[in-house]
Amino acid sequence: MTRAAIIVCWVMAIGLALFLIIPLLVIAAASFSPTPVFDLPLTGASTRWYGRIGRLDGFWPSLLLSLQIALLSTVISLVCGTLAAIAIARGKLPGAGIFATALVSPLMMPGLVLGIALLQGFRAVGFTAPWATLLVAHLVITLPYVARTMISGLARFDFTLIEAARTLGCSYPGSVLRVMVPALAPSFLIAGIFSFLASFDNYPVSIFLADVRTKTLPIRMLQYIEEAPDPTLAALSTLILAGTVILLFVSDRVVGLHRMAGTSD
């Protein structure tokens, strides 16, 4: 590759990074607005909007609901998605490719279409409990992330290591826990992060399954911005963004982003 081509690639990469980062920086800057409007450029700075987050109508129940649904759906998806990935990668299932495609198919569908389909399906079978329907719907959302990530991770895993552990006296479940789980730790971590964030931040599917008493945090935020648009939501969005950055930083310190990306030797 010539020097000019490398420079062009760098310029395009920097431009793309700025295109993605600048809107986030604008939201973060607006959260310090001294006025009750999204005022940029700032004529001063105030942190009062951060103090109002906890006083938002219905904020704490919605936050607790989103955390419950995201954590439960992530844990269940990690277990079921990993077992399905092992069956696809290791087992000799007829139509394994079709099964793998079906597992990740929700990623290919628009969220609104998926939400309407789930709503009609739940109504058809009489399954209308809001909390339970949200959990099942979020399992449909998070399972593809786990399955796709674990299938990729298992493609590079040497299953003879499990057989070697068994010859040394380890049971099959024990060899899986002692050999496979540590080797696939980066895949588990990245699958868990993507699943949790996809569930916690989901709006298009959740809006069809929530009711007046059961609203996730994204739904509550969209409702609030329609009723009283002020920088409080910018402050809340900034905190969520900061939490995501901290989560990635901790993951980098524990596992390493290069291993999570699959670029380690």
Protein backbone atom coordinates (compact mmCIF):
# COMPACT_ATOMS: atom_id res chain seq x y z
CA MET A 1 0.00 0.00 0.00
CA THR A 2 1.40 3.39 -0.97
CA ARG A 3 2.01 6.21 1.48
CA ALA A 4 -0.81 8.27 -0.06
CA ALA A 5 -3.29 5.41 0.37
CA ILE A 6 -2.26 5.00 4.01
CA ILE A 7 -2.79 8.73 4.62
CA VAL A 8 -6.22 8.59 2.98
CA CYS A 9 -7.18 5.60 5.16
CA TRP A 10 -6.04 7.44 8.30
CA VAL A 11 -8.00 10.56 7.33
CA MET A 12 -11.14 8.50 6.69
CA ALA A 13 -10.72 6.66 9.99
CA ILE A 14 -10.29 9.92 11.92
CA GLY A 15 -13.27 11.46 10.13
CA LEU A 16 -15.45 8.47 10.97
CA ALA A 17 -14.33 8.57 14.60
CA LEU A 18 -15.20 12.26 14.85
CA PHE A 19 -18.55 11.61 13.18
CA LEU A 20 -19.36 9.08 15.90
CA ILE A 21 -17.88 10.94 18.88
CA ILE A 22 -18.97 14.55 18.27
CA PRO A 23 -22.72 13.92 18.91
CA LEU A 24 -21.81 12.27 22.22
CA LEU A 25 -19.64 15.24 23.17
CA VAL A 26 -22.47 17.63 22.30
CA ILE A 27 -24.85 15.75 24.61
CA ALA A 28 -22.24 15.77 27.39
CA ALA A 29 -21.71 19.53 26.94
CA ALA A 30 -25.46 20.21 26.92
CA SER A 31 -25.80 18.42 30.28
CA PHE A 32 -23.88 21.31 31.90
CA SER A 33 -26.14 23.99 30.44
CA PRO A 34 -27.03 26.69 33.01
CA THR A 35 -30.41 27.27 31.33
CA PRO A 36 -33.40 24.89 31.08
CA VAL A 37 -32.83 24.50 27.34
CA PHE A 38 -30.16 22.77 25.27
CA ASP A 39 -28.03 25.90 25.00
CA LEU A 40 -24.84 25.68 22.93
CA PRO A 41 -22.30 27.19 22.99
CA LEU A 42 -22.35 27.29 26.78
CA THR A 43 -22.31 30.68 28.47
CA GLY A 44 -21.61 29.02 31.80
CA ALA A 45 -21.71 25.64 33.50
CA SER A 46 -24.06 24.06 36.00
CA THR A 47 -24.41 20.60 37.48
CA ARG A 48 -27.95 21.08 38.74
CA TRP A 49 -29.40 18.80 36.04
CA TYR A 50 -27.43 15.88 37.44
CA GLY A 51 -29.06 16.51 40.80
CA ARG A 52 -32.52 16.31 39.21
CA ILE A 53 -32.02 12.86 37.71
CA GLY A 54 -33.11 10.99 40.82
CA ARG A 55 -36.23 13.16 41.09
CA LEU A 56 -37.55 12.34 37.63
CA ASP A 57 -41.05 10.90 37.73
CA GLY A 58 -40.77 7.11 37.80
CA PHE A 59 -36.99 7.10 37.30
CA TRP A 60 -36.00 4.60 40.00
CA PRO A 61 -38.65 1.93 39.16
CA SER A 62 -37.77 2.19 35.46
CA LEU A 63 -34.04 1.96 36.17
CA LEU A 64 -34.56 -1.08 38.42
CA LEU A 65 -36.75 -2.75 35.79
CA SER A 66 -34.20 -2.15 33.03
CA LEU A 67 -31.39 -3.54 35.18
CA GLN A 68 -33.41 -6.60 36.16
CA ILE A 69 -34.43 -7.40 32.59
CA ALA A 70 -30.94 -6.73 31.19
CA LEU A 71 -29.13 -8.84 33.81
CA LEU A 72 -31.55 -11.77 33.68
CA SER A 73 -31.74 -11.85 29.89
CA THR A 74 -27.94 -11.66 29.67
CA VAL A 75 -27.37 -14.53 32.11
CA ILE A 76 -29.99 -16.76 30.49
CA SER A 77 -28.71 -15.92 27.01
CA LEU A 78 -25.13 -16.73 28.04
CA VAL A 79 -26.18 -20.19 29.23
CA CYS A 80 -28.55 -21.05 26.38
CA GLY A 81 -26.46 -19.35 23.69
CA THR A 82 -23.29 -21.15 24.76
CA LEU A 83 -25.01 -24.55 24.80
CA ALA A 84 -26.47 -23.87 21.35
CA ALA A 85 -23.07 -22.75 20.05
CA ILE A 86 -21.42 -25.93 21.38
CA ALA A 87 -24.11 -28.04 19.68
CA ILE A 88 -23.48 -26.22 16.40
CA ALA A 89 -19.68 -26.17 16.58
CA ARG A 90 -19.11 -29.61 18.11
CA GLY A 91 -22.18 -31.69 17.47
CA LYS A 92 -23.17 -33.24 14.17
CA LEU A 93 -26.62 -31.73 13.97
CA PRO A 94 -28.48 -32.03 10.68
CA GLY A 95 -29.14 -28.53 9.38
CA ALA A 96 -26.72 -26.90 11.84
CA GLY A 97 -26.15 -24.00 9.45
CA ILE A 98 -29.89 -23.31 9.23
CA PHE A 99 -30.15 -23.47 13.02
CA ALA A 100 -27.25 -21.02 13.41
CA THR A 101 -28.88 -18.62 10.94
CA ALA A 102 -32.18 -18.84 12.80
CA LEU A 103 -30.44 -17.99 16.08
CA VAL A 104 -29.03 -14.73 14.72
CA SER A 105 -32.04 -13.86 12.53
CA PRO A 106 -33.48 -11.29 15.04
CA LEU A 107 -30.42 -9.12 14.32
CA MET A 108 -31.51 -8.88 10.69
CA MET A 109 -35.02 -7.66 11.48
CA PRO A 110 -36.01 -4.04 12.23
CA GLY A 111 -36.85 -3.54 15.88
CA LEU A 112 -40.37 -2.29 15.14
CA VAL A 113 -41.17 -5.36 13.05
CA LEU A 114 -39.81 -7.65 15.75
CA GLY A 115 -41.77 -5.81 18.45
CA ILE A 116 -45.06 -6.06 16.56
CA ALA A 117 -44.45 -9.73 15.78
CA LEU A 118 -43.74 -10.54 19.44
CA LEU A 119 -46.79 -8.58 20.59
CA GLN A 120 -49.10 -10.44 18.21
CA GLY A 121 -47.51 -13.78 19.10
CA PHE A 122 -47.87 -13.25 22.84
CA ARG A 123 -51.48 -12.17 22.46
CA ALA A 124 -52.26 -15.20 20.31
CA VAL A 125 -51.17 -17.59 23.08
CA GLY A 126 -52.61 -15.48 25.92
CA PHE A 127 -49.19 -14.52 27.33
CA THR A 128 -49.76 -10.92 28.41
CA ALA A 129 -47.90 -10.42 31.72
CA PRO A 130 -45.81 -7.27 31.03
CA TRP A 131 -42.71 -8.20 33.07
CA ALA A 132 -42.55 -11.74 31.72
CA THR A 133 -43.18 -10.70 28.11
CA LEU A 134 -40.42 -8.09 28.36
CA LEU A 135 -37.99 -10.72 29.65
CA VAL A 136 -38.82 -13.19 26.87
CA ALA A 137 -38.62 -10.44 24.25
CA HIS A 138 -35.23 -9.32 25.53
CA LEU A 139 -34.05 -12.92 25.40
CA VAL A 140 -34.91 -12.86 21.70
CA ILE A 141 -32.84 -9.67 21.41
CA THR A 142 -29.79 -10.79 23.41
CA LEU A 143 -29.52 -14.46 22.41
CA PRO A 144 -28.21 -13.70 18.88
CA TYR A 145 -25.30 -11.68 20.29
CA VAL A 146 -24.26 -14.54 22.54
CA ALA A 147 -24.76 -17.24 19.92
CA ARG A 148 -22.83 -15.39 17.22
CA THR A 149 -19.96 -14.52 19.56
CA MET A 150 -19.68 -18.00 21.07
CA ILE A 151 -19.84 -19.74 17.69
CA SER A 152 -16.90 -17.59 16.58
CA GLY A 153 -15.02 -18.29 19.80
CA LEU A 154 -15.62 -22.04 19.65
CA ALA A 155 -14.39 -22.14 16.06
CA ARG A 156 -10.91 -21.35 17.43
CA PHE A 157 -11.15 -23.64 20.47
CA ASP A 158 -9.30 -26.97 20.48
CA PHE A 159 -11.76 -29.53 21.87
CA THR A 160 -8.95 -32.05 22.33
CA LEU A 161 -8.00 -30.06 25.43
CA ILE A 162 -11.18 -31.29 27.09
CA GLU A 163 -10.32 -34.88 26.22
CA ALA A 164 -6.82 -34.35 27.62
CA ALA A 165 -8.29 -33.04 30.88
CA ARG A 166 -10.55 -36.09 31.10
CA THR A 167 -7.62 -38.45 30.67
CA LEU A 168 -6.03 -36.73 33.67
CA GLY A 169 -9.00 -37.68 35.84
CA CYS A 170 -11.28 -34.68 35.37
CA SER A 171 -14.98 -35.26 34.74
CA TYR A 172 -16.57 -33.87 31.60
CA PRO A 173 -18.38 -31.00 33.40
CA GLY A 174 -15.21 -30.30 35.38
CA SER A 175 -13.07 -30.23 32.26
CA VAL A 176 -15.50 -27.80 30.64
CA LEU A 177 -15.32 -25.49 33.67
CA ARG A 178 -11.53 -25.74 34.05
CA VAL A 179 -10.50 -25.72 30.39
CA MET A 180 -13.20 -24.33 28.11
CA VAL A 181 -14.58 -21.53 30.29
CA PRO A 182 -11.19 -19.85 30.98
CA ALA A 183 -10.15 -20.21 27.33
CA LEU A 184 -13.40 -18.60 26.16
CA ALA A 185 -13.43 -15.87 28.83
CA PRO A 186 -12.99 -13.05 26.25
CA SER A 187 -15.92 -14.41 24.21
CA PHE A 188 -18.09 -14.67 27.33
CA LEU A 189 -17.20 -11.14 28.33
CA ILE A 190 -17.85 -9.49 24.98
CA ALA A 191 -21.08 -11.47 24.54
CA GLY A 192 -22.24 -10.43 28.00
CA ILE A 193 -21.40 -6.76 27.41
CA PHE A 194 -23.17 -6.60 24.06
CA SER A 195 -26.19 -8.49 25.42
CA PHE A 196 -26.52 -6.29 28.49
CA LEU A 197 -26.21 -3.05 26.52
CA ALA A 198 -28.59 -4.25 23.80
CA SER A 199 -31.21 -5.10 26.43
CA PHE A 200 -30.71 -2.07 28.66
CA ASP A 201 -30.90 0.37 25.72
CA ASN A 202 -33.72 -1.31 23.79
CA TYR A 203 -36.73 0.81 22.88
CA PRO A 204 -38.36 -0.40 19.60
CA VAL A 205 -39.32 -3.81 21.01
CA SER A 206 -40.01 -2.80 24.61
CA ILE A 207 -42.48 -0.06 23.67
CA PHE A 208 -44.96 -2.67 22.37
CA LEU A 209 -44.84 -4.81 25.50
CA ALA A 210 -44.74 -2.24 28.32
CA ASP A 211 -47.78 -0.89 30.11
CA VAL A 212 -48.46 2.10 32.36
CA ARG A 213 -46.84 0.48 35.42
CA THR A 214 -44.07 -1.39 33.61
CA LYS A 215 -41.81 0.94 31.65
CA THR A 216 -38.12 0.50 31.01
CA LEU A 217 -35.72 3.41 31.34
CA PRO A 218 -35.48 4.22 27.57
CA ILE A 219 -39.28 4.39 27.35
CA ARG A 220 -39.41 6.65 30.41
CA MET A 221 -36.72 8.90 28.92
CA LEU A 222 -38.56 9.26 25.60
CA GLN A 223 -41.78 10.00 27.46
CA TYR A 224 -40.04 12.63 29.60
CA ILE A 225 -38.47 14.44 26.65
CA GLU A 226 -41.92 14.78 25.07
CA GLU A 227 -43.38 16.26 28.26
CA ALA A 228 -40.54 18.44 29.61
CA PRO A 229 -37.45 18.63 27.36
CA ASP A 230 -34.60 19.97 29.47
CA PRO A 231 -30.92 19.07 29.99
CA THR A 232 -31.80 16.50 32.66
CA LEU A 233 -31.99 13.83 29.99
CA ALA A 234 -28.65 14.99 28.60
CA ALA A 235 -27.18 14.51 32.08
CA LEU A 236 -28.70 11.03 32.36
CA SER A 237 -27.43 10.11 28.90
CA THR A 238 -23.96 11.32 29.88
CA LEU A 239 -23.98 9.11 32.97
CA ILE A 240 -25.03 6.09 30.89
CA LEU A 241 -22.23 6.88 28.42
CA ALA A 242 -19.73 7.21 31.28
CA GLY A 243 -20.88 3.88 32.70
CA THR A 244 -20.34 2.23 29.31
CA VAL A 245 -16.83 3.68 29.08
CA ILE A 246 -16.03 2.46 32.61
CA LEU A 247 -17.35 -1.00 31.72
CA LEU A 248 -15.08 -1.14 28.67
CA PHE A 249 -12.13 0.11 30.70
CA VAL A 250 -12.64 -2.58 33.36
CA SER A 251 -12.99 -5.20 30.63
CA ASP A 252 -9.74 -4.02 29.09
CA ARG A 253 -7.96 -4.30 32.44
CA VAL A 254 -9.41 -7.76 33.18
CA VAL A 255 -9.20 -9.41 29.76
CA GLY A 256 -7.84 -6.91 27.27
CA LEU A 257 -9.69 -5.35 24.38
CA HIS A 258 -7.28 -6.98 21.94
CA ARG A 259 -8.35 -10.42 23.19
CA MET A 260 -12.01 -9.39 23.16
CA ALA A 261 -11.60 -8.33 19.55
CA GLY A 262 -9.93 -11.61 18.75
CA THR A 263 -6.63 -10.05 17.65
CA SER A 264 -4.37 -11.69 20.24
CA ASP A 265 -1.95 -14.39 19.27
